[in-house]
C-alpha atoms as a PDB file:
ATOM      1  CA  MET A   1       9.731  20.632   8.415  1.00  0.00           C
ATOM      2  CA  SER A   2       6.549  20.911  10.690  1.00  0.00           C
ATOM      3  CA  ARG A   3       5.793  18.410  13.297  1.00  0.00           C
ATOM      4  CA  LYS A   4       2.336  17.049  13.399  1.00  0.00           C
ATOM      5  CA  THR A   5       0.501  16.371  16.588  1.00  0.00           C
ATOM      6  CA  PRO A   6      -0.777  12.907  17.383  1.00  0.00           C
ATOM      7  CA  GLU A   7      -4.345  14.375  16.953  1.00  0.00           C
ATOM      8  CA  THR A   8      -3.478  15.923  13.638  1.00  0.00           C
ATOM      9  CA  ARG A   9      -2.112  12.549  12.240  1.00  0.00           C
ATOM     10  CA  VAL A  10      -5.384  10.795  13.357  1.00  0.00           C
ATOM     11  CA  LYS A  11      -7.512  13.568  11.624  1.00  0.00           C
ATOM     12  CA  GLU A  12      -5.455  13.237   8.426  1.00  0.00           C
ATOM     13  CA  ASP A  13      -5.677   9.371   8.441  1.00  0.00           C
ATOM     14  CA  ILE A  14      -9.384   9.465   8.985  1.00  0.00           C
ATOM     15  CA  ALA A  15      -9.886  12.126   6.335  1.00  0.00           C
ATOM     16  CA  LYS A  16      -7.871  10.044   3.727  1.00  0.00           C
ATOM     17  CA  PHE A  17      -9.963   6.905   4.598  1.00  0.00           C
ATOM     18  CA  LEU A  18     -13.323   8.601   4.452  1.00  0.00           C
ATOM     19  CA  THR A  19     -12.440  10.428   1.183  1.00  0.00           C
ATOM     20  CA  SER A  20     -11.351   7.167  -0.302  1.00  0.00           C
ATOM     21  CA  ILE A  21     -14.721   5.567   0.577  1.00  0.00           C
ATOM     22  CA  ASP A  22     -16.448   8.501  -1.026  1.00  0.00           C
ATOM     23  CA  TYR A  23     -14.510   8.177  -4.287  1.00  0.00           C
ATOM     24  CA  ALA A  24     -14.843   4.459  -4.313  1.00  0.00           C
ATOM     25  CA  HIS A  25     -18.523   4.483  -3.891  1.00  0.00           C
ATOM     26  CA  GLY A  26     -19.239   7.299  -6.442  1.00  0.00           C
ATOM     27  CA  GLY A  27     -19.767   9.933  -3.830  1.00  0.00           C
ATOM     28  CA  SER A  28     -22.194   8.009  -1.716  1.00  0.00           C
ATOM     29  CA  ILE A  29     -21.056   9.561   1.516  1.00  0.00           C
ATOM     30  CA  LEU A  30     -20.764  13.247   2.524  1.00  0.00           C
ATOM     31  CA  TYR A  31     -17.662  13.917   4.774  1.00  0.00           C
ATOM     32  CA  GLN A  32     -16.881  17.294   6.071  1.00  0.00           C
ATOM     33  CA  ARG A  33     -14.210  18.552   8.613  1.00  0.00           C
ATOM     34  CA  ARG A  34     -15.231  21.496  10.686  1.00  0.00           C
ATOM     35  CA  ASP A  35     -13.076  24.584  10.894  1.00  0.00           C
ATOM     36  CA  ALA A  36     -12.988  25.988  14.396  1.00  0.00           C
ATOM     37  CA  SER A  37     -12.170  29.400  12.905  1.00  0.00           C
ATOM     38  CA  GLY A  38     -15.204  29.410  10.565  1.00  0.00           C
ATOM     39  CA  ALA A  39     -18.103  31.724  11.000  1.00  0.00           C
ATOM     40  CA  THR A  40     -20.593  28.941  11.305  1.00  0.00           C
ATOM     41  CA  TYR A  41     -18.551  27.070  13.908  1.00  0.00           C
ATOM     42  CA  ILE A  42     -20.472  26.015  17.043  1.00  0.00           C
ATOM     43  CA  LYS A  43     -18.409  25.775  20.188  1.00  0.00           C
ATOM     44  CA  GLY A  44     -18.120  22.111  21.156  1.00  0.00           C
ATOM     45  CA  SER A  45     -19.014  20.719  17.944  1.00  0.00           C
ATOM     46  CA  ALA A  46     -17.249  17.557  16.682  1.00  0.00           C
ATOM     47  CA  ASP A  47     -14.237  17.835  14.356  1.00  0.00           C
ATOM     48  CA  ALA A  48     -16.047  16.273  11.551  1.00  0.00           C
ATOM     49  CA  TYR A  49     -19.187  14.765  10.310  1.00  0.00           C
ATOM     50  CA  VAL A  50     -20.421  12.217   7.760  1.00  0.00           C
ATOM     51  CA  ILE A  51     -23.620  11.360   6.256  1.00  0.00           C
ATOM     52  CA  TYR A  52     -23.676   7.806   5.107  1.00  0.00           C
ATOM     53  CA  ARG A  53     -26.828   6.167   3.613  1.00  0.00           C
ATOM     54  CA  GLY A  54     -29.025   8.838   5.443  1.00  0.00           C
ATOM     55  CA  VAL A  55     -27.197   8.347   8.788  1.00  0.00           C
ATOM     56  CA  HIS A  56     -25.579  11.372  10.533  1.00  0.00           C
ATOM     57  CA  ILE A  57     -22.249  10.451  12.153  1.00  0.00           C
ATOM     58  CA  GLU A  58     -20.208  12.969  14.225  1.00  0.00           C
ATOM     59  CA  ILE A  59     -16.502  12.251  14.692  1.00  0.00           C
ATOM     60  CA  GLU A  60     -14.400  13.747  17.605  1.00  0.00           C
ATOM     61  CA  TYR A  61     -10.647  13.152  17.527  1.00  0.00           C
ATOM     62  CA  LYS A  62      -8.702  13.459  20.582  1.00  0.00           C
ATOM     63  CA  ALA A  63      -4.898  12.913  21.397  1.00  0.00           C
ATOM     64  CA  PRO A  64      -4.260   9.858  23.382  1.00  0.00           C
ATOM     65  CA  ASP A  65      -4.123  12.001  26.496  1.00  0.00           C
ATOM     66  CA  GLY A  66      -6.588  14.540  25.403  1.00  0.00           C
ATOM     67  CA  GLU A  67      -9.861  15.196  27.378  1.00  0.00           C
ATOM     68  CA  ARG A  68     -13.138  16.715  26.100  1.00  0.00           C
ATOM     69  CA  SER A  69     -14.490  20.101  27.206  1.00  0.00           C
ATOM     70  CA  PRO A  70     -17.875  20.389  28.838  1.00  0.00           C
ATOM     71  CA  ASP A  71     -19.128  21.804  25.467  1.00  0.00           C
ATOM     72  CA  GLN A  72     -17.887  18.743  23.499  1.00  0.00           C
ATOM     73  CA  ILE A  73     -19.604  16.392  26.038  1.00  0.00           C
ATOM     74  CA  ARG A  74     -22.820  18.399  25.540  1.00  0.00           C
ATOM     75  CA  TRP A  75     -22.638  18.130  21.810  1.00  0.00           C
ATOM     76  CA  GLU A  76     -22.392  14.254  22.072  1.00  0.00           C
ATOM     77  CA  ARG A  77     -25.526  14.364  24.197  1.00  0.00           C
ATOM     78  CA  ILE A  78     -27.268  16.521  21.637  1.00  0.00           C
ATOM     79  CA  CYS A  79     -26.077  14.215  18.818  1.00  0.00           C
ATOM     80  CA  HIS A  80     -27.730  11.238  20.662  1.00  0.00           C
ATOM     81  CA  LEU A  81     -30.905  13.234  21.378  1.00  0.00           C
ATOM     82  CA  ILE A  82     -31.376  13.875  17.622  1.00  0.00           C
ATOM     83  CA  GLY A  83     -30.516  10.390  16.549  1.00  0.00           C
ATOM     84  CA  ALA A  84     -27.009  11.033  15.215  1.00  0.00           C
ATOM     85  CA  LYS A  85     -24.175   8.483  15.831  1.00  0.00           C
ATOM     86  CA  TYR A  86     -21.083   9.740  17.589  1.00  0.00           C
ATOM     87  CA  ILE A  87     -17.501   8.428  17.238  1.00  0.00           C
ATOM     88  CA  LEU A  88     -14.933   9.531  19.813  1.00  0.00           C
ATOM     89  CA  THR A  89     -11.553   8.296  18.944  1.00  0.00           C
ATOM     90  CA  ASN A  90      -7.861   8.791  19.675  1.00  0.00           C
ATOM     91  CA  SER A  91      -6.283   6.461  17.109  1.00  0.00           C
ATOM     92  CA  PHE A  92      -7.064   5.501  13.439  1.00  0.00           C
ATOM     93  CA  GLU A  93      -7.235   1.854  14.482  1.00  0.00           C
ATOM     94  CA  ASP A  94      -9.847   2.702  17.025  1.00  0.00           C
ATOM     95  CA  PHE A  95     -11.755   4.712  14.603  1.00  0.00           C
ATOM     96  CA  LEU A  96     -11.763   1.773  12.077  1.00  0.00           C
ATOM     97  CA  VAL A  97     -13.323  -0.525  14.756  1.00  0.00           C
ATOM     98  CA  GLN A  98     -15.972   1.902  15.691  1.00  0.00           C
ATOM     99  CA  TRP A  99     -16.688   2.804  12.077  1.00  0.00           C
ATOM    100  CA  ASN A 100     -16.875  -0.882  10.812  1.00  0.00           C
ATOM    101  CA  LYS A 101     -19.233  -1.790  13.699  1.00  0.00           C
ATOM    102  CA  LEU A 102     -21.487   1.310  13.055  1.00  0.00           C
ATOM    103  CA  ILE A 103     -21.518   0.893   9.246  1.00  0.00           C
ATOM    104  CA  ASP A 104     -22.377  -2.745   9.539  1.00  0.00           C
ATOM    105  CA  GLY A 105     -25.299  -1.820  11.476  1.00  0.00           C
ATOM    106  CA  VAL A 106     -26.362   0.870   8.928  1.00  0.00           C
ATOM    107  CA  GLN A 107     -26.012  -1.514   5.954  1.00  0.00           C
ATOM    108  CA  LYS A 108     -28.208  -4.024   7.746  1.00  0.00           C
ATOM    109  CA  SER A 109     -30.927  -1.534   8.370  1.00  0.00           C
ATOM    110  CA  ASN A 110     -30.609   0.464   5.014  1.00  0.00           C
ATOM    111  CA  PRO A 111     -29.844  -2.133   2.348  1.00  0.00           C
END
């Protein structure tokens, strides 16, 4: 039996949630987790991204006591410069609060 880290549990909960939204809305969002071992991985990039109603959202998960690297902080700055949204979270509950606030704004601006 493998033991999951707090960060892994948060990643899995968020993945389940976003996947359920995708299915519930007929594939109206694009959700992808990044694989740090992949050939196209960019150092510091967020753990996942979502495209929802044309809005690019980057999601970075951290354990409650985790800290971001300088490359991850740089990635957040780049996201803001290009107009992407960025969610930094260490719990599923915190993610939901940030997600709902962000999505409420997206729905109001993109009815």
